[in-house]
């Protein structure tokens, strides 16, 4: 019986401690992330990496996919040029 009470008390302490840690982390995180997600990487680097990945496939479909996702990005022009080269 004493063991049961101690176990319940430890469970409550654990829940309170975990909740406190989560709330503390949420206060340091970017707004809207809940403290769980890391800050996003540089969007420009992500687009460049996507372009390089799709270009490395060497297919028209891959380059057209990039253009569809980023039609106004400067790399879309490079993708269009690459498509022209593939067509020759």
Protein backbone atom coordinates (compact mmCIF):
# COMPACT_ATOMS: atom_id res chain seq x y z
CA UNK A 1 0.00 0.00 0.00
CA UNK A 2 2.82 2.43 0.82
CA UNK A 3 4.55 1.34 -2.38
CA UNK A 4 1.42 2.14 -4.42
CA UNK A 5 1.23 5.66 -2.96
CA UNK A 6 4.92 6.25 -3.68
CA UNK A 7 4.51 5.00 -7.23
CA UNK A 8 1.56 7.33 -7.84
CA UNK A 9 3.50 10.25 -6.35
CA UNK A 10 6.52 9.50 -8.56
CA UNK A 11 4.25 9.32 -11.62
CA UNK A 12 2.78 12.73 -10.82
CA UNK A 13 6.23 14.23 -10.25
CA UNK A 14 7.41 12.80 -13.56
CA UNK A 15 4.44 14.28 -15.42
CA UNK A 16 4.99 17.70 -13.86
CA UNK A 17 8.72 17.62 -14.64
CA UNK A 18 8.14 16.57 -18.25
CA UNK A 19 5.49 19.26 -18.74
CA UNK A 20 7.84 21.88 -17.31
CA UNK A 21 10.63 20.87 -19.68
CA UNK A 22 8.33 20.98 -22.69
CA UNK A 23 6.99 24.39 -21.76
CA UNK A 24 10.51 25.72 -21.18
CA UNK A 25 11.64 24.46 -24.59
CA UNK A 26 8.57 25.97 -26.23
CA UNK A 27 9.50 29.38 -24.84
CA UNK A 28 12.87 29.27 -26.62
CA UNK A 29 11.60 28.01 -29.96
CA UNK A 30 10.41 30.02 -32.95
CA UNK A 31 6.76 31.02 -32.73
CA UNK A 32 4.35 28.36 -33.89
CA UNK A 33 6.77 25.42 -33.55
CA UNK A 34 5.76 24.28 -30.09
CA UNK A 35 9.43 23.97 -29.21
CA UNK A 36 9.76 20.71 -31.10
CA UNK A 37 10.91 21.68 -34.58
CA UNK A 38 14.33 23.04 -35.44
CA UNK A 39 14.62 26.37 -37.23
CA UNK A 40 14.14 25.92 -40.96
CA UNK A 41 17.20 25.93 -43.13
CA UNK A 42 17.96 28.70 -45.59
CA UNK A 43 15.19 28.48 -48.23
CA UNK A 44 17.55 29.54 -51.01
CA UNK A 45 19.95 26.72 -50.18
CA UNK A 46 17.05 24.28 -50.15
CA UNK A 47 15.96 25.37 -53.65
CA UNK A 48 19.54 25.14 -54.91
CA UNK A 49 19.92 21.65 -53.45
CA UNK A 50 16.64 20.61 -55.05
CA UNK A 51 17.81 21.95 -58.41
CA UNK A 52 21.14 20.11 -58.19
CA UNK A 53 19.40 16.90 -57.18
CA UNK A 54 16.89 17.03 -60.02
CA UNK A 55 19.49 18.15 -62.56
CA UNK A 56 21.70 15.21 -61.60
CA UNK A 57 18.94 12.87 -62.74
CA UNK A 58 19.56 14.14 -66.26
CA UNK A 59 15.95 13.86 -67.36
CA UNK A 60 13.52 16.30 -68.86
CA UNK A 61 10.84 15.22 -66.38
CA UNK A 62 13.05 16.04 -63.39
CA UNK A 63 13.85 19.50 -64.74
CA UNK A 64 10.21 20.17 -65.59
CA UNK A 65 9.29 19.22 -62.03
CA UNK A 66 11.73 21.84 -60.74
CA UNK A 67 10.26 24.46 -63.08
CA UNK A 68 6.74 23.58 -61.96
CA UNK A 69 7.71 24.00 -58.31
CA UNK A 70 9.76 27.18 -58.78
CA UNK A 71 8.65 28.82 -62.04
CA UNK A 72 9.95 32.31 -61.22
CA UNK A 73 13.22 31.31 -59.56
CA UNK A 74 16.40 32.16 -61.50
CA UNK A 75 17.35 28.48 -61.49
CA UNK A 76 14.17 27.73 -63.43
CA UNK A 77 15.76 29.56 -66.36
CA UNK A 78 18.81 27.33 -66.06
CA UNK A 79 16.51 24.31 -65.98
CA UNK A 80 14.82 25.52 -69.17
CA UNK A 81 18.22 25.93 -70.82
CA UNK A 82 19.19 22.43 -69.71
CA UNK A 83 15.96 21.05 -71.20
CA UNK A 84 16.86 22.71 -74.51
CA UNK A 85 20.30 21.07 -74.39
CA UNK A 86 18.73 17.70 -73.67
CA UNK A 87 16.42 18.13 -76.67
CA UNK A 88 19.32 18.51 -79.11
